[in-house]
Amino acid sequence: MAAALALPGTVARNEPRLSRRFKNKGPPMGQRLLLALLLCIAGVLRADSIQTKLGDRFKGRVVREDAQQVVFRTEYGELTIPRADVKKHERATFAPRIARGELTVDWARPAAALARLVRALSPRPGARTTRRGELLKVLSAEEGKNVGGEKGIPGRVTEVTKDGFSVESGSGLLRVRRVQPAGRKVMSAGEYVKGYRLRPGEVLGTERECGEG
């Protein structure tokens, strides 16, 4: 049979049939609804929960544990917690996705707790603080000693070197090694000091909210 021909300005007789043929391409409605439901549930994850004696709380999955330590895998990497530091351990329950407030560096907490927070959140989404109103992610840091022994001002930069900088906390110093400024690439703390002219005496995290980034 000869194919139907369409004159300019007209529609071929078989075109509506082809349109109906491809109109309902894709999963059935029931499957689409199920997919939408699963995407909604994606914000709720089954997770173990660990609380330390210093007040840290982490959600993830215990991958290995013994009498000395617990190896805890979070969405952002593995964290090793000494068994003696574990205050409470709850097995998998439905838990909300990590909130923005849990990403913020609270400089009033001990340096040891802050160092663990930085490790747990690195490289993504990264522990967050602010400097002069701008977001600054802390991606690598370690606990340091406060040589003077006196309690300082939480968040105050006390030492700046070519290798990085130190910040006072509620107890001890946090030595920052790697950071990421808002909208910029990851860099060493030494590069940040040089490029952004960080000076001793500046106080980090004075703003209440750490923005997205």
N, C-alpha and C. Protein backbone atom coordinates (compact mmCIF):
# COMPACT_ATOMS: atom_id res chain seq x y z
N MET A 1 0.86 -1.20 0.00
CA MET A 1 0.00 0.00 0.00
C MET A 1 0.89 1.23 0.00
N ALA A 2 0.55 2.20 -0.78
CA ALA A 2 1.37 3.40 -0.88
C ALA A 2 1.29 4.18 0.42
N ALA A 3 2.43 4.76 0.79
CA ALA A 3 2.47 5.56 2.02
C ALA A 3 1.62 6.80 1.85
N ALA A 4 0.98 7.24 2.93
CA ALA A 4 0.15 8.44 2.87
C ALA A 4 1.02 9.65 2.65
N LEU A 5 0.56 10.54 1.81
CA LEU A 5 1.30 11.76 1.51
C LEU A 5 0.59 12.94 2.15
N ALA A 6 1.38 13.89 2.58
CA ALA A 6 0.80 15.10 3.19
C ALA A 6 1.15 16.30 2.35
N LEU A 7 0.15 17.08 1.97
CA LEU A 7 0.38 18.31 1.23
C LEU A 7 0.78 19.40 2.22
N PRO A 8 1.45 20.42 1.76
CA PRO A 8 1.82 21.53 2.66
C PRO A 8 0.59 22.04 3.38
N GLY A 9 0.74 22.24 4.74
CA GLY A 9 -0.37 22.77 5.51
C GLY A 9 -1.36 21.72 5.95
N THR A 10 -1.11 20.43 5.61
CA THR A 10 -2.01 19.35 6.03
C THR A 10 -1.25 18.35 6.87
N VAL A 11 -1.95 17.39 7.48
CA VAL A 11 -1.35 16.38 8.35
C VAL A 11 -1.60 15.02 7.75
N ALA A 12 -0.54 14.21 7.64
CA ALA A 12 -0.70 12.87 7.10
C ALA A 12 -1.65 12.07 7.97
N ARG A 13 -2.43 11.17 7.33
CA ARG A 13 -3.44 10.42 8.07
C ARG A 13 -2.84 9.49 9.13
N ASN A 14 -1.59 9.03 8.89
CA ASN A 14 -1.01 8.10 9.86
C ASN A 14 -0.27 8.81 11.00
N GLU A 15 -0.20 10.11 10.96
CA GLU A 15 0.56 10.82 12.01
C GLU A 15 -0.08 10.70 13.38
N PRO A 16 -1.39 10.85 13.54
CA PRO A 16 -1.99 10.67 14.87
C PRO A 16 -1.73 9.28 15.43
N ARG A 17 -1.74 8.25 14.55
CA ARG A 17 -1.47 6.90 15.02
C ARG A 17 -0.07 6.78 15.59
N LEU A 18 0.93 7.38 14.91
CA LEU A 18 2.31 7.37 15.41
C LEU A 18 2.41 8.14 16.72
N SER A 19 1.68 9.24 16.83
CA SER A 19 1.71 10.04 18.06
C SER A 19 1.20 9.22 19.23
N ARG A 20 0.08 8.49 19.02
CA ARG A 20 -0.45 7.66 20.10
C ARG A 20 0.51 6.54 20.47
N ARG A 21 1.23 6.05 19.49
CA ARG A 21 2.17 4.95 19.73
C ARG A 21 3.28 5.36 20.70
N PHE A 22 3.78 6.59 20.56
CA PHE A 22 4.91 7.03 21.39
C PHE A 22 4.48 7.90 22.57
N LYS A 23 3.21 8.20 22.67
CA LYS A 23 2.73 9.12 23.71
C LYS A 23 2.99 8.58 25.12
N ASN A 24 2.79 7.30 25.33
CA ASN A 24 2.88 6.73 26.68
C ASN A 24 4.20 6.00 26.92
N LYS A 25 5.24 6.39 26.16
CA LYS A 25 6.56 5.79 26.40
C LYS A 25 6.99 6.08 27.84
N GLY A 26 7.64 5.11 28.50
CA GLY A 26 8.13 5.32 29.86
C GLY A 26 7.47 4.34 30.81
N PRO A 27 7.87 4.35 32.11
CA PRO A 27 7.34 3.41 33.09
C PRO A 27 5.85 3.64 33.30
N PRO A 28 5.13 2.60 33.68
CA PRO A 28 3.73 2.76 34.03
C PRO A 28 3.58 3.71 35.20
N MET A 29 2.37 4.26 35.37
CA MET A 29 2.13 5.23 36.43
C MET A 29 2.50 4.68 37.81
N GLY A 30 2.17 3.40 38.07
CA GLY A 30 2.50 2.82 39.37
C GLY A 30 3.98 2.83 39.67
N GLN A 31 4.79 2.51 38.64
CA GLN A 31 6.24 2.52 38.83
C GLN A 31 6.76 3.94 39.06
N ARG A 32 6.16 4.91 38.37
CA ARG A 32 6.61 6.30 38.55
C ARG A 32 6.30 6.78 39.96
N LEU A 33 5.13 6.39 40.48
CA LEU A 33 4.78 6.78 41.84
C LEU A 33 5.71 6.14 42.86
N LEU A 34 6.06 4.86 42.64
CA LEU A 34 6.98 4.18 43.54
C LEU A 34 8.34 4.84 43.53
N LEU A 35 8.82 5.22 42.34
CA LEU A 35 10.10 5.90 42.23
C LEU A 35 10.08 7.21 42.98
N ALA A 36 8.98 7.96 42.85
CA ALA A 36 8.88 9.24 43.56
C ALA A 36 8.91 9.03 45.06
N LEU A 37 8.25 7.97 45.54
CA LEU A 37 8.24 7.67 46.96
C LEU A 37 9.63 7.33 47.47
N LEU A 38 10.36 6.54 46.68
CA LEU A 38 11.73 6.17 47.08
C LEU A 38 12.62 7.40 47.14
N LEU A 39 12.44 8.33 46.23
CA LEU A 39 13.25 9.55 46.24
C LEU A 39 12.93 10.38 47.48
N CYS A 40 11.68 10.37 47.91
CA CYS A 40 11.31 11.11 49.12
C CYS A 40 11.95 10.48 50.35
N ILE A 41 12.00 9.14 50.35
CA ILE A 41 12.57 8.43 51.50
C ILE A 41 14.09 8.53 51.52
N ALA A 42 14.69 8.94 50.40
CA ALA A 42 16.15 8.99 50.30
C ALA A 42 16.77 9.89 51.36
N GLY A 43 15.99 10.85 51.87
CA GLY A 43 16.53 11.73 52.91
C GLY A 43 16.61 11.08 54.27
N VAL A 44 16.08 9.87 54.41
CA VAL A 44 16.12 9.16 55.69
C VAL A 44 16.97 7.92 55.51
N LEU A 45 18.02 7.80 56.26
CA LEU A 45 18.98 6.71 56.09
C LEU A 45 19.00 5.81 57.33
N ARG A 46 19.12 4.52 57.09
CA ARG A 46 19.35 3.62 58.22
C ARG A 46 20.79 3.80 58.68
N ALA A 47 20.97 4.01 59.97
CA ALA A 47 22.31 4.32 60.44
C ALA A 47 22.51 3.87 61.87
N ASP A 48 23.77 3.53 62.20
CA ASP A 48 24.16 3.36 63.59
C ASP A 48 24.42 4.75 64.15
N SER A 49 24.37 4.87 65.46
CA SER A 49 24.61 6.15 66.11
C SER A 49 25.60 5.95 67.24
N ILE A 50 26.62 6.79 67.29
CA ILE A 50 27.62 6.73 68.36
C ILE A 50 27.73 8.11 69.01
N GLN A 51 27.70 8.11 70.33
CA GLN A 51 27.92 9.35 71.09
C GLN A 51 29.16 9.18 71.95
N THR A 52 30.07 10.16 71.90
CA THR A 52 31.31 10.06 72.68
C THR A 52 31.15 10.78 74.02
N LYS A 53 32.09 10.57 74.89
CA LYS A 53 32.06 11.18 76.22
C LYS A 53 32.28 12.68 76.16
N LEU A 54 32.81 13.17 75.02
CA LEU A 54 33.01 14.61 74.85
C LEU A 54 31.79 15.28 74.22
N GLY A 55 30.77 14.49 73.93
CA GLY A 55 29.55 15.07 73.40
C GLY A 55 29.39 14.97 71.90
N ASP A 56 30.38 14.38 71.20
CA ASP A 56 30.25 14.19 69.75
C ASP A 56 29.16 13.16 69.47
N ARG A 57 28.44 13.38 68.37
CA ARG A 57 27.43 12.40 67.95
C ARG A 57 27.59 12.16 66.45
N PHE A 58 27.80 10.90 66.07
CA PHE A 58 28.01 10.55 64.66
C PHE A 58 26.99 9.50 64.23
N LYS A 59 26.59 9.60 62.95
CA LYS A 59 25.67 8.63 62.37
C LYS A 59 26.34 7.98 61.16
N GLY A 60 26.21 6.67 61.05
CA GLY A 60 26.84 5.95 59.94
C GLY A 60 26.69 4.46 60.14
N ARG A 61 27.81 3.74 59.95
CA ARG A 61 27.76 2.28 60.07
C ARG A 61 29.07 1.78 60.68
N VAL A 62 28.96 0.95 61.72
CA VAL A 62 30.14 0.34 62.32
C VAL A 62 30.64 -0.75 61.38
N VAL A 63 31.89 -0.62 60.92
CA VAL A 63 32.44 -1.61 59.99
C VAL A 63 33.43 -2.55 60.69
N ARG A 64 33.94 -2.12 61.83
CA ARG A 64 34.89 -2.97 62.56
C ARG A 64 35.00 -2.45 63.98
N GLU A 65 35.05 -3.35 64.93
CA GLU A 65 35.23 -2.95 66.33
C GLU A 65 35.91 -4.05 67.12
N ASP A 66 36.67 -3.63 68.13
CA ASP A 66 37.31 -4.58 69.03
C ASP A 66 37.38 -3.93 70.41
N ALA A 67 38.17 -4.49 71.29
CA ALA A 67 38.22 -4.00 72.66
C ALA A 67 38.87 -2.61 72.75
N GLN A 68 39.65 -2.24 71.73
CA GLN A 68 40.37 -0.97 71.79
C GLN A 68 39.69 0.17 71.03
N GLN A 69 38.99 -0.14 69.93
CA GLN A 69 38.48 0.93 69.10
C GLN A 69 37.26 0.49 68.29
N VAL A 70 36.58 1.51 67.75
CA VAL A 70 35.45 1.28 66.86
C VAL A 70 35.74 2.04 65.57
N VAL A 71 35.69 1.33 64.43
CA VAL A 71 35.86 1.97 63.13
C VAL A 71 34.47 2.24 62.58
N PHE A 72 34.17 3.50 62.39
CA PHE A 72 32.83 3.96 62.06
C PHE A 72 32.85 4.61 60.68
N ARG A 73 32.04 4.10 59.75
CA ARG A 73 31.99 4.65 58.40
C ARG A 73 30.80 5.58 58.27
N THR A 74 31.07 6.83 57.95
CA THR A 74 30.01 7.80 57.70
C THR A 74 29.90 8.03 56.20
N GLU A 75 28.97 8.87 55.81
CA GLU A 75 28.79 9.20 54.40
C GLU A 75 30.02 9.89 53.83
N TYR A 76 30.88 10.42 54.72
CA TYR A 76 31.99 11.24 54.29
C TYR A 76 33.36 10.61 54.56
N GLY A 77 33.39 9.35 55.00
CA GLY A 77 34.67 8.69 55.24
C GLY A 77 34.64 7.89 56.54
N GLU A 78 35.75 7.21 56.83
CA GLU A 78 35.85 6.38 58.03
C GLU A 78 36.45 7.16 59.19
N LEU A 79 35.97 6.86 60.38
CA LEU A 79 36.41 7.53 61.60
C LEU A 79 36.74 6.46 62.63
N THR A 80 37.94 6.53 63.22
CA THR A 80 38.35 5.58 64.25
C THR A 80 38.16 6.23 65.62
N ILE A 81 37.34 5.62 66.46
CA ILE A 81 37.03 6.16 67.78
C ILE A 81 37.53 5.20 68.85
N PRO A 82 38.39 5.65 69.77
CA PRO A 82 38.84 4.78 70.87
C PRO A 82 37.64 4.27 71.67
N ARG A 83 37.66 2.98 72.01
CA ARG A 83 36.55 2.38 72.75
C ARG A 83 36.29 3.13 74.06
N ALA A 84 37.34 3.60 74.70
CA ALA A 84 37.19 4.30 75.97
C ALA A 84 36.44 5.62 75.83
N ASP A 85 36.39 6.17 74.61
CA ASP A 85 35.71 7.45 74.40
C ASP A 85 34.23 7.30 74.07
N VAL A 86 33.79 6.04 73.82
CA VAL A 86 32.40 5.82 73.43
C VAL A 86 31.51 5.83 74.67
N LYS A 87 30.52 6.73 74.66
CA LYS A 87 29.58 6.81 75.78
C LYS A 87 28.33 6.01 75.49
N LYS A 88 27.84 6.09 74.26
CA LYS A 88 26.59 5.43 73.89
C LYS A 88 26.65 4.97 72.45
N HIS A 89 26.20 3.74 72.21
CA HIS A 89 26.21 3.19 70.85
C HIS A 89 24.85 2.58 70.57
N GLU A 90 24.15 3.14 69.59
CA GLU A 90 22.84 2.63 69.22
C GLU A 90 22.91 2.03 67.83
N ARG A 91 22.37 0.84 67.68
CA ARG A 91 22.39 0.17 66.39
C ARG A 91 21.38 0.81 65.44
N ALA A 92 21.44 0.38 64.18
CA ALA A 92 20.72 1.01 63.09
C ALA A 92 19.27 1.37 63.42
N THR A 93 18.95 2.64 63.21
CA THR A 93 17.59 3.15 63.31
C THR A 93 17.39 4.14 62.18
N PHE A 94 16.15 4.52 61.93
CA PHE A 94 15.92 5.53 60.93
C PHE A 94 16.35 6.87 61.50
N ALA A 95 17.25 7.56 60.76
CA ALA A 95 17.81 8.82 61.25
C ALA A 95 17.80 9.84 60.13
N PRO A 96 17.61 11.11 60.46
CA PRO A 96 17.58 12.15 59.43
C PRO A 96 18.96 12.40 58.85
N ARG A 97 18.98 12.86 57.61
CA ARG A 97 20.25 13.24 56.99
C ARG A 97 20.91 14.34 57.83
N ILE A 98 22.21 14.36 57.83
CA ILE A 98 22.95 15.30 58.67
C ILE A 98 22.49 16.74 58.42
N ALA A 99 22.24 17.47 59.49
CA ALA A 99 21.73 18.83 59.40
C ALA A 99 22.88 19.82 59.28
N ARG A 100 22.56 21.02 58.75
CA ARG A 100 23.60 22.03 58.57
C ARG A 100 24.29 22.38 59.88
N GLY A 101 23.50 22.43 60.98
CA GLY A 101 24.08 22.79 62.26
C GLY A 101 25.16 21.82 62.73
N GLU A 102 25.06 20.56 62.31
CA GLU A 102 26.06 19.56 62.69
C GLU A 102 27.36 19.73 61.92
N LEU A 103 27.36 20.55 60.88
CA LEU A 103 28.56 20.78 60.09
C LEU A 103 29.39 21.95 60.63
N THR A 104 28.79 22.74 61.51
CA THR A 104 29.44 23.97 61.97
C THR A 104 30.45 23.69 63.09
N VAL A 105 31.62 24.28 62.97
CA VAL A 105 32.65 24.17 64.00
C VAL A 105 32.27 25.07 65.17
N ASP A 106 32.01 24.46 66.31
CA ASP A 106 31.74 25.22 67.54
C ASP A 106 33.05 25.35 68.29
N TRP A 107 33.68 26.51 68.18
CA TRP A 107 35.02 26.69 68.73
C TRP A 107 35.07 26.60 70.26
N ALA A 108 33.91 26.60 70.90
CA ALA A 108 33.88 26.47 72.36
C ALA A 108 34.10 25.03 72.81
N ARG A 109 34.04 24.09 71.88
CA ARG A 109 34.26 22.68 72.22
C ARG A 109 35.75 22.38 72.27
N PRO A 110 36.14 21.25 72.90
CA PRO A 110 37.57 20.90 72.99
C PRO A 110 38.19 20.65 71.61
N ALA A 111 39.48 20.95 71.49
CA ALA A 111 40.18 20.76 70.22
C ALA A 111 40.14 19.31 69.75
N ALA A 112 40.19 18.36 70.69
CA ALA A 112 40.16 16.95 70.32
C ALA A 112 38.84 16.60 69.63
N ALA A 113 37.74 17.14 70.13
CA ALA A 113 36.43 16.89 69.52
C ALA A 113 36.34 17.55 68.15
N LEU A 114 36.90 18.73 68.02
CA LEU A 114 36.86 19.43 66.73
C LEU A 114 37.70 18.71 65.68
N ALA A 115 38.84 18.16 66.09
CA ALA A 115 39.69 17.42 65.16
C ALA A 115 38.95 16.19 64.63
N ARG A 116 38.18 15.52 65.50
CA ARG A 116 37.41 14.36 65.06
C ARG A 116 36.27 14.77 64.12
N LEU A 117 35.65 15.90 64.42
CA LEU A 117 34.58 16.40 63.56
C LEU A 117 35.11 16.70 62.16
N VAL A 118 36.28 17.33 62.09
CA VAL A 118 36.88 17.66 60.80
C VAL A 118 37.18 16.40 60.00
N ARG A 119 37.74 15.37 60.67
CA ARG A 119 38.04 14.11 59.98
C ARG A 119 36.77 13.45 59.47
N ALA A 120 35.72 13.46 60.28
CA ALA A 120 34.48 12.78 59.91
C ALA A 120 33.80 13.44 58.71
N LEU A 121 33.93 14.74 58.57
CA LEU A 121 33.22 15.46 57.52
C LEU A 121 34.06 15.75 56.28
N SER A 122 35.33 15.37 56.32
CA SER A 122 36.22 15.63 55.17
C SER A 122 36.21 14.43 54.23
N PRO A 123 36.21 14.64 52.91
CA PRO A 123 36.28 15.94 52.23
C PRO A 123 34.93 16.59 52.00
N ARG A 124 33.84 15.81 52.04
CA ARG A 124 32.52 16.40 51.83
C ARG A 124 31.60 15.96 52.95
N PRO A 125 30.76 16.87 53.44
CA PRO A 125 30.58 18.26 53.00
C PRO A 125 31.58 19.24 53.60
N GLY A 126 32.37 18.78 54.57
CA GLY A 126 33.38 19.63 55.17
C GLY A 126 32.87 20.37 56.39
N ALA A 127 33.69 20.39 57.46
CA ALA A 127 33.35 21.17 58.66
C ALA A 127 33.41 22.65 58.30
N ARG A 128 32.51 23.44 58.85
CA ARG A 128 32.37 24.83 58.40
C ARG A 128 32.54 25.83 59.52
N THR A 129 33.21 26.92 59.18
CA THR A 129 33.28 28.08 60.05
C THR A 129 33.17 29.31 59.14
N THR A 130 33.32 30.47 59.70
CA THR A 130 33.28 31.69 58.90
C THR A 130 34.45 32.60 59.25
N ARG A 131 34.82 33.43 58.29
CA ARG A 131 35.82 34.47 58.52
C ARG A 131 35.35 35.73 57.79
N ARG A 132 35.14 36.78 58.54
CA ARG A 132 34.65 38.05 57.97
C ARG A 132 33.36 37.85 57.18
N GLY A 133 32.50 36.99 57.67
CA GLY A 133 31.22 36.77 57.04
C GLY A 133 31.22 35.79 55.88
N GLU A 134 32.38 35.25 55.51
CA GLU A 134 32.50 34.32 54.40
C GLU A 134 32.71 32.89 54.90
N LEU A 135 32.08 31.94 54.19
CA LEU A 135 32.24 30.54 54.54
C LEU A 135 33.68 30.08 54.36
N LEU A 136 34.16 29.30 55.33
CA LEU A 136 35.49 28.69 55.24
C LEU A 136 35.37 27.25 55.73
N LYS A 137 35.64 26.28 54.84
CA LYS A 137 35.60 24.88 55.23
C LYS A 137 36.96 24.45 55.76
N VAL A 138 36.94 23.73 56.86
CA VAL A 138 38.16 23.17 57.46
C VAL A 138 38.17 21.69 57.11
N LEU A 139 39.14 21.27 56.28
CA LEU A 139 39.15 19.90 55.76
C LEU A 139 40.22 19.01 56.38
N SER A 140 41.20 19.61 57.03
CA SER A 140 42.22 18.83 57.71
C SER A 140 42.74 19.63 58.89
N ALA A 141 42.78 18.98 60.06
CA ALA A 141 43.24 19.68 61.26
C ALA A 141 43.64 18.65 62.30
N GLU A 142 44.39 19.09 63.27
CA GLU A 142 44.82 18.20 64.35
C GLU A 142 44.86 18.96 65.65
N GLU A 143 44.75 18.21 66.75
CA GLU A 143 44.77 18.83 68.06
C GLU A 143 46.18 19.33 68.40
N GLY A 144 46.25 20.49 68.98
CA GLY A 144 47.54 21.05 69.41
C GLY A 144 47.48 21.38 70.89
N LYS A 145 48.62 21.73 71.43
CA LYS A 145 48.70 22.08 72.85
C LYS A 145 48.73 23.59 73.02
N ASN A 146 48.00 24.06 74.02
CA ASN A 146 48.05 25.47 74.37
C ASN A 146 49.21 25.66 75.34
N VAL A 147 50.32 26.16 74.82
CA VAL A 147 51.56 26.23 75.60
C VAL A 147 51.38 27.04 76.87
N GLY A 148 50.67 28.15 76.79
CA GLY A 148 50.49 29.00 77.96
C GLY A 148 49.63 28.35 79.03
N GLY A 149 48.78 27.42 78.62
CA GLY A 149 47.92 26.74 79.57
C GLY A 149 46.70 27.54 79.98
N GLU A 150 46.60 28.80 79.55
CA GLU A 150 45.47 29.63 79.92
C GLU A 150 44.34 29.45 78.92
N LYS A 151 43.12 29.60 79.40
CA LYS A 151 41.96 29.50 78.53
C LYS A 151 41.85 30.77 77.70
N GLY A 152 41.78 30.60 76.39
CA GLY A 152 41.75 31.76 75.50
C GLY A 152 40.35 32.07 75.03
N ILE A 153 40.28 32.71 73.87
CA ILE A 153 39.01 33.07 73.25
C ILE A 153 38.71 32.06 72.15
N PRO A 154 37.65 31.26 72.28
CA PRO A 154 37.33 30.27 71.24
C PRO A 154 37.18 30.92 69.87
N GLY A 155 37.89 30.34 68.89
CA GLY A 155 37.83 30.86 67.53
C GLY A 155 38.93 31.86 67.19
N ARG A 156 39.71 32.27 68.18
CA ARG A 156 40.76 33.28 67.91
C ARG A 156 42.01 32.62 67.31
N VAL A 157 42.50 33.19 66.23
CA VAL A 157 43.73 32.71 65.59
C VAL A 157 44.91 33.16 66.44
N THR A 158 45.72 32.18 66.87
CA THR A 158 46.83 32.52 67.76
C THR A 158 48.19 32.43 67.10
N GLU A 159 48.29 31.62 66.07
CA GLU A 159 49.60 31.40 65.43
C GLU A 159 49.41 31.21 63.93
N VAL A 160 50.22 31.91 63.15
CA VAL A 160 50.16 31.80 61.70
C VAL A 160 51.56 31.50 61.18
N THR A 161 51.71 30.39 60.43
CA THR A 161 53.00 30.01 59.88
C THR A 161 52.83 29.66 58.40
N LYS A 162 53.94 29.32 57.75
CA LYS A 162 53.87 28.92 56.34
C LYS A 162 53.17 27.58 56.16
N ASP A 163 53.02 26.81 57.25
CA ASP A 163 52.38 25.50 57.17
C ASP A 163 50.90 25.53 57.53
N GLY A 164 50.42 26.63 58.10
CA GLY A 164 49.02 26.71 58.49
C GLY A 164 48.80 27.69 59.61
N PHE A 165 47.74 27.46 60.38
CA PHE A 165 47.45 28.36 61.49
C PHE A 165 46.76 27.61 62.61
N SER A 166 46.83 28.15 63.81
CA SER A 166 46.23 27.54 64.99
C SER A 166 45.11 28.42 65.52
N VAL A 167 44.07 27.75 66.02
CA VAL A 167 42.89 28.46 66.51
C VAL A 167 42.57 27.97 67.92
N GLU A 168 42.26 28.92 68.81
CA GLU A 168 41.91 28.56 70.18
C GLU A 168 40.52 27.93 70.22
N SER A 169 40.36 26.95 71.09
CA SER A 169 39.07 26.28 71.27
C SER A 169 38.70 26.33 72.75
N GLY A 170 37.67 25.58 73.12
CA GLY A 170 37.29 25.54 74.53
C GLY A 170 38.35 24.89 75.39
N SER A 171 39.17 24.05 74.77
CA SER A 171 40.28 23.39 75.47
C SER A 171 41.34 23.00 74.45
N GLY A 172 42.48 23.67 74.48
CA GLY A 172 43.55 23.38 73.55
C GLY A 172 43.44 24.16 72.25
N LEU A 173 44.36 23.86 71.35
CA LEU A 173 44.39 24.53 70.04
C LEU A 173 44.05 23.55 68.93
N LEU A 174 43.46 24.06 67.88
CA LEU A 174 43.24 23.25 66.69
C LEU A 174 44.19 23.78 65.62
N ARG A 175 45.09 22.91 65.15
CA ARG A 175 46.05 23.30 64.11
C ARG A 175 45.44 22.94 62.76
N VAL A 176 45.14 23.95 61.98
CA VAL A 176 44.46 23.76 60.69
C VAL A 176 45.49 23.55 59.59
N ARG A 177 45.30 22.50 58.76
CA ARG A 177 46.26 22.13 57.72
C ARG A 177 45.72 22.30 56.30
N ARG A 178 44.41 22.16 56.11
CA ARG A 178 43.84 22.27 54.76
C ARG A 178 42.46 22.89 54.85
N VAL A 179 42.16 23.81 53.93
CA VAL A 179 40.88 24.52 53.96
C VAL A 179 40.33 24.70 52.55
N GLN A 180 39.10 25.19 52.49
CA GLN A 180 38.50 25.55 51.20
C GLN A 180 37.64 26.81 51.40
N PRO A 181 38.10 27.94 50.88
CA PRO A 181 37.29 29.17 50.98
C PRO A 181 36.06 29.06 50.10
N ALA A 182 35.07 29.89 50.34
CA ALA A 182 33.82 29.87 49.57
C ALA A 182 34.10 30.11 48.09
N GLY A 183 33.61 29.18 47.26
CA GLY A 183 33.73 29.34 45.83
C GLY A 183 35.12 29.10 45.26
N ARG A 184 36.03 28.59 46.07
CA ARG A 184 37.40 28.36 45.60
C ARG A 184 37.79 26.90 45.78
N LYS A 185 38.93 26.54 45.22
CA LYS A 185 39.40 25.16 45.32
C LYS A 185 40.00 24.88 46.69
N VAL A 186 40.19 23.60 46.98
CA VAL A 186 40.84 23.19 48.22
C VAL A 186 42.30 23.62 48.17
N MET A 187 42.81 24.10 49.30
CA MET A 187 44.20 24.55 49.36
C MET A 187 44.78 24.26 50.74
N SER A 188 46.10 24.26 50.81
CA SER A 188 46.74 24.08 52.12
C SER A 188 46.47 25.32 52.96
N ALA A 189 46.52 25.14 54.29
CA ALA A 189 46.30 26.28 55.17
C ALA A 189 47.39 27.33 54.98
N GLY A 190 48.60 26.87 54.61
CA GLY A 190 49.69 27.82 54.35
C GLY A 190 49.38 28.70 53.15
N GLU A 191 48.81 28.10 52.09
CA GLU A 191 48.41 28.87 50.91
C GLU A 191 47.31 29.87 51.26
N TYR A 192 46.41 29.43 52.12
CA TYR A 192 45.33 30.33 52.54
C TYR A 192 45.88 31.51 53.32
N VAL A 193 46.79 31.25 54.23
CA VAL A 193 47.40 32.32 55.03
C VAL A 193 48.05 33.37 54.13
N LYS A 194 48.78 32.88 53.13
CA LYS A 194 49.48 33.80 52.23
C LYS A 194 48.53 34.54 51.30
N GLY A 195 47.58 33.83 50.71
CA GLY A 195 46.69 34.44 49.73
C GLY A 195 45.59 35.30 50.33
N TYR A 196 45.16 34.96 51.55
CA TYR A 196 44.04 35.69 52.16
C TYR A 196 44.48 36.55 53.35
N ARG A 197 45.77 36.61 53.59
CA ARG A 197 46.35 37.51 54.60
C ARG A 197 45.71 37.32 55.98
N LEU A 198 45.65 36.08 56.42
CA LEU A 198 45.14 35.79 57.76
C LEU A 198 46.16 36.28 58.79
N ARG A 199 45.68 36.89 59.85
CA ARG A 199 46.56 37.46 60.86
C ARG A 199 46.18 36.95 62.25
N PRO A 200 47.19 36.80 63.15
CA PRO A 200 46.89 36.43 64.53
C PRO A 200 45.96 37.45 65.17
N GLY A 201 45.05 36.97 66.00
CA GLY A 201 44.12 37.87 66.67
C GLY A 201 42.74 37.89 66.03
N GLU A 202 42.64 37.46 64.77
CA GLU A 202 41.33 37.39 64.13
C GLU A 202 40.51 36.28 64.79
N VAL A 203 39.21 36.47 64.83
CA VAL A 203 38.32 35.48 65.45
C VAL A 203 37.43 34.87 64.38
N LEU A 204 37.46 33.56 64.29
CA LEU A 204 36.65 32.82 63.30
C LEU A 204 35.31 32.41 63.90
N GLY A 205 34.32 32.27 63.02
CA GLY A 205 33.03 31.74 63.45
C GLY A 205 32.21 32.67 64.29
N THR A 206 32.38 33.98 64.12
CA THR A 206 31.61 34.92 64.93
C THR A 206 30.18 35.07 64.42
N GLU A 207 29.94 34.67 63.14
CA GLU A 207 28.59 34.72 62.59
C GLU A 207 27.84 33.46 63.00
N ARG A 208 26.56 33.58 63.20
CA ARG A 208 25.76 32.45 63.67
C ARG A 208 25.59 31.37 62.62
N GLU A 209 25.48 31.79 61.38
CA GLU A 209 25.14 30.84 60.32
C GLU A 209 26.27 30.67 59.34
N CYS A 210 26.63 29.43 59.04
CA CYS A 210 27.61 29.14 58.00
C CYS A 210 26.84 28.84 56.73
N GLY A 211 26.99 29.63 55.71
CA GLY A 211 26.21 29.48 54.48
C GLY A 211 26.53 28.23 53.72
N GLU A 212 25.74 27.99 52.68
CA GLU A 212 25.96 26.84 51.82
C GLU A 212 27.22 27.03 50.99
N GLY A 213 27.81 25.88 50.59
CA GLY A 213 28.98 25.95 49.72
C GLY A 213 29.65 24.63 49.57
